[in-house]
C-alpha cells in the first residue's frame, strides 16, 4: 500500500503580515525571485506575489505578524540550497535541514518578521 501524495495546489491565497513592507518585499523578491506587484485596491498598501506558475498566490501587508502556528510553503524557482542561501542573505533564518518528501524537497525558515515559511523545490 502506498501513502497518497497531497495535491500541490491546495493553497488558495496567502496573506502575510509584516512590520516593514519595503523590507519584506525585498526579502521575498530576493529569496523566491518572484516579481512583487504593489497594490492598494483594498485601501491599504499590499504587495502581491507573481510567480508566473499559476495556481494560488497571495500578498504581503503592513500589520502584526502571527506568533507560531502558520507556515506557508512557497515554491522556489531553482535548487532548494540556493534559496536557503538567499534566505539567509536577505535577513531570514533557515530553521531545518532539507527534507525530502515524495512531491519534492523543502525546508522550514522564517522571514525577517518571524513568519514561518517553507521553501519548496518540486520533484523533477
C-alpha atoms as a PDB file:
ATOM      1  CA  UNK A   1       0.000   0.000   0.000  1.00  0.00           C
ATOM      2  CA  UNK A   2       1.348   3.429  -0.902  1.00  0.00           C
ATOM      3  CA  UNK A   3       0.884   6.636   1.005  1.00  0.00           C
ATOM      4  CA  UNK A   4      -1.174   9.129  -1.016  1.00  0.00           C
ATOM      5  CA  UNK A   5       0.612  12.310  -2.038  1.00  0.00           C
ATOM      6  CA  UNK A   6      -1.342  15.503  -1.328  1.00  0.00           C
ATOM      7  CA  UNK A   7      -2.088  17.754  -4.307  1.00  0.00           C
ATOM      8  CA  UNK A   8       0.480  20.519  -4.790  1.00  0.00           C
ATOM      9  CA  UNK A   9      -2.029  23.352  -5.294  1.00  0.00           C
ATOM     10  CA  UNK A  10      -4.096  23.237  -2.120  1.00  0.00           C
ATOM     11  CA  UNK A  11      -3.330  26.784  -1.003  1.00  0.00           C
ATOM     12  CA  UNK A  12      -5.960  29.231  -2.245  1.00  0.00           C
ATOM     13  CA  UNK A  13      -4.440  32.509  -1.051  1.00  0.00           C
ATOM     14  CA  UNK A  14      -1.901  33.724   1.460  1.00  0.00           C
ATOM     15  CA  UNK A  15      -1.789  36.927   3.458  1.00  0.00           C
ATOM     16  CA  UNK A  16       1.430  37.569   5.330  1.00  0.00           C
ATOM     17  CA  UNK A  17       1.501  40.395   7.878  1.00  0.00           C
ATOM     18  CA  UNK A  18       4.832  42.193   8.062  1.00  0.00           C
ATOM     19  CA  UNK A  19       6.126  45.087  10.162  1.00  0.00           C
ATOM     20  CA  UNK A  20       8.137  46.721   7.359  1.00  0.00           C
ATOM     21  CA  UNK A  21       6.538  46.319   3.917  1.00  0.00           C
ATOM     22  CA  UNK A  22       9.544  47.513   1.853  1.00  0.00           C
ATOM     23  CA  UNK A  23      11.951  45.240   3.786  1.00  0.00           C
ATOM     24  CA  UNK A  24       9.601  42.248   3.464  1.00  0.00           C
ATOM     25  CA  UNK A  25       9.077  42.920  -0.242  1.00  0.00           C
ATOM     26  CA  UNK A  26      12.851  42.930  -0.770  1.00  0.00           C
ATOM     27  CA  UNK A  27      13.212  39.704   1.278  1.00  0.00           C
ATOM     28  CA  UNK A  28      10.565  37.737  -0.661  1.00  0.00           C
ATOM     29  CA  UNK A  29      11.807  39.061  -4.019  1.00  0.00           C
ATOM     30  CA  UNK A  30      15.394  38.056  -3.145  1.00  0.00           C
ATOM     31  CA  UNK A  31      14.606  34.582  -1.805  1.00  0.00           C
ATOM     32  CA  UNK A  32      11.952  33.454  -4.288  1.00  0.00           C
ATOM     33  CA  UNK A  33      12.809  35.710  -7.240  1.00  0.00           C
ATOM     34  CA  UNK A  34       9.119  36.423  -7.745  1.00  0.00           C
ATOM     35  CA  UNK A  35       8.086  39.713  -9.295  1.00  0.00           C
ATOM     36  CA  UNK A  36       6.411  41.663  -6.499  1.00  0.00           C
ATOM     37  CA  UNK A  37       3.449  43.824  -7.557  1.00  0.00           C
ATOM     38  CA  UNK A  38       2.439  46.794  -5.365  1.00  0.00           C
ATOM     39  CA  UNK A  39      -1.343  47.291  -4.984  1.00  0.00           C
ATOM     40  CA  UNK A  40      -3.612  49.403  -2.830  1.00  0.00           C
ATOM     41  CA  UNK A  41      -7.017  48.242  -4.058  1.00  0.00           C
ATOM     42  CA  UNK A  42      -8.109  47.227  -0.538  1.00  0.00           C
ATOM     43  CA  UNK A  43      -7.450  50.685   0.896  1.00  0.00           C
ATOM     44  CA  UNK A  44      -4.067  49.767   2.336  1.00  0.00           C
ATOM     45  CA  UNK A  45      -0.729  49.097   0.619  1.00  0.00           C
ATOM     46  CA  UNK A  46      -0.187  45.467  -0.309  1.00  0.00           C
ATOM     47  CA  UNK A  47       2.428  43.710  -2.423  1.00  0.00           C
ATOM     48  CA  UNK A  48       1.303  40.700  -4.451  1.00  0.00           C
ATOM     49  CA  UNK A  49       3.394  37.649  -5.333  1.00  0.00           C
ATOM     50  CA  UNK A  50       3.584  36.823  -9.054  1.00  0.00           C
ATOM     51  CA  UNK A  51       5.482  33.594  -9.636  1.00  0.00           C
ATOM     52  CA  UNK A  52       4.132  33.034 -13.156  1.00  0.00           C
ATOM     53  CA  UNK A  53       3.316  29.400 -12.290  1.00  0.00           C
ATOM     54  CA  UNK A  54      -0.447  29.758 -11.956  1.00  0.00           C
ATOM     55  CA  UNK A  55      -2.320  28.277  -9.032  1.00  0.00           C
ATOM     56  CA  UNK A  56      -2.568  30.021  -5.675  1.00  0.00           C
ATOM     57  CA  UNK A  57      -0.939  33.312  -4.858  1.00  0.00           C
ATOM     58  CA  UNK A  58      -1.013  35.870  -2.066  1.00  0.00           C
ATOM     59  CA  UNK A  59       0.284  39.143  -0.750  1.00  0.00           C
ATOM     60  CA  UNK A  60       2.214  40.939   1.974  1.00  0.00           C
ATOM     61  CA  UNK A  61       0.579  43.682   4.008  1.00  0.00           C
ATOM     62  CA  UNK A  62       1.599  46.037   6.784  1.00  0.00           C
ATOM     63  CA  UNK A  63       0.353  44.523  10.062  1.00  0.00           C
ATOM     64  CA  UNK A  64       1.208  42.442  13.101  1.00  0.00           C
ATOM     65  CA  UNK A  65       2.849  39.090  12.250  1.00  0.00           C
ATOM     66  CA  UNK A  66       1.379  35.918  13.721  1.00  0.00           C
ATOM     67  CA  UNK A  67       3.292  34.219  16.511  1.00  0.00           C
ATOM     68  CA  UNK A  68       3.625  30.489  15.941  1.00  0.00           C
ATOM     69  CA  UNK A  69       1.230  28.258  14.099  1.00  0.00           C
ATOM     70  CA  UNK A  70       1.048  29.368  10.485  1.00  0.00           C
ATOM     71  CA  UNK A  71       3.564  28.125   7.931  1.00  0.00           C
ATOM     72  CA  UNK A  72       3.058  28.815   4.231  1.00  0.00           C
ATOM     73  CA  UNK A  73       5.073  26.748   1.761  1.00  0.00           C
ATOM     74  CA  UNK A  74       6.133  28.584  -1.390  1.00  0.00           C
ATOM     75  CA  UNK A  75       7.814  27.085  -4.472  1.00  0.00           C
ATOM     76  CA  UNK A  76      11.358  28.234  -5.226  1.00  0.00           C
ATOM     77  CA  UNK A  77      12.495  28.843  -8.823  1.00  0.00           C
ATOM     78  CA  UNK A  78      15.655  26.747  -8.608  1.00  0.00           C
ATOM     79  CA  UNK A  79      17.571  24.465  -6.240  1.00  0.00           C
ATOM     80  CA  UNK A  80      16.470  24.404  -2.611  1.00  0.00           C
ATOM     81  CA  UNK A  81      20.029  25.022  -1.373  1.00  0.00           C
ATOM     82  CA  UNK A  82      20.265  28.189  -3.487  1.00  0.00           C
ATOM     83  CA  UNK A  83      17.009  29.506  -1.989  1.00  0.00           C
ATOM     84  CA  UNK A  84      18.223  28.622   1.524  1.00  0.00           C
ATOM     85  CA  UNK A  85      21.351  30.711   0.939  1.00  0.00           C
ATOM     86  CA  UNK A  86      19.293  33.621  -0.413  1.00  0.00           C
ATOM     87  CA  UNK A  87      17.007  33.388   2.619  1.00  0.00           C
ATOM     88  CA  UNK A  88      19.950  33.830   4.993  1.00  0.00           C
ATOM     89  CA  UNK A  89      21.496  36.599   2.861  1.00  0.00           C
ATOM     90  CA  UNK A  90      18.181  38.508   2.769  1.00  0.00           C
ATOM     91  CA  UNK A  91      17.823  38.529   6.579  1.00  0.00           C
ATOM     92  CA  UNK A  92      15.750  35.387   7.113  1.00  0.00           C
ATOM     93  CA  UNK A  93      16.559  32.277   9.114  1.00  0.00           C
ATOM     94  CA  UNK A  94      16.636  28.675   7.868  1.00  0.00           C
ATOM     95  CA  UNK A  95      15.357  26.543  10.753  1.00  0.00           C
ATOM     96  CA  UNK A  96      15.652  22.990   9.380  1.00  0.00           C
ATOM     97  CA  UNK A  97      17.752  20.951   7.010  1.00  0.00           C
ATOM     98  CA  UNK A  98      16.405  19.991   3.575  1.00  0.00           C
ATOM     99  CA  UNK A  99      13.646  17.381   3.945  1.00  0.00           C
ATOM    100  CA  UNK A 100      12.759  15.026   1.083  1.00  0.00           C
ATOM    101  CA  UNK A 101       9.130  14.013   0.541  1.00  0.00           C
ATOM    102  CA  UNK A 102       7.520  12.318  -2.483  1.00  0.00           C
ATOM    103  CA  UNK A 103       6.492  15.601  -4.223  1.00  0.00           C
ATOM    104  CA  UNK A 104       9.922  17.227  -3.760  1.00  0.00           C
ATOM    105  CA  UNK A 105      12.147  18.766  -1.086  1.00  0.00           C
ATOM    106  CA  UNK A 106      11.619  21.585   1.401  1.00  0.00           C
ATOM    107  CA  UNK A 107      12.983  23.265   4.470  1.00  0.00           C
ATOM    108  CA  UNK A 108      11.444  25.382   7.198  1.00  0.00           C
ATOM    109  CA  UNK A 109      12.506  29.001   7.507  1.00  0.00           C
ATOM    110  CA  UNK A 110      11.437  32.333   8.976  1.00  0.00           C
ATOM    111  CA  UNK A 111      11.178  35.672   7.247  1.00  0.00           C
ATOM    112  CA  UNK A 112      12.636  38.775   8.959  1.00  0.00           C
ATOM    113  CA  UNK A 113       9.340  39.248  10.889  1.00  0.00           C
ATOM    114  CA  UNK A 114       9.419  35.676  12.240  1.00  0.00           C
ATOM    115  CA  UNK A 115       6.641  34.358   9.967  1.00  0.00           C
ATOM    116  CA  UNK A 116       7.040  30.638   9.335  1.00  0.00           C
ATOM    117  CA  UNK A 117       7.670  29.792   5.673  1.00  0.00           C
ATOM    118  CA  UNK A 118       8.578  26.665   3.788  1.00  0.00           C
ATOM    119  CA  UNK A 119      10.954  26.810   0.839  1.00  0.00           C
ATOM    120  CA  UNK A 120       9.722  24.110  -1.559  1.00  0.00           C
ATOM    121  CA  UNK A 121      11.527  22.589  -4.558  1.00  0.00           C
ATOM    122  CA  UNK A 122       9.158  20.369  -6.583  1.00  0.00           C
ATOM    123  CA  UNK A 123      10.463  16.961  -7.684  1.00  0.00           C
ATOM    124  CA  UNK A 124      11.819  16.894 -11.240  1.00  0.00           C
END
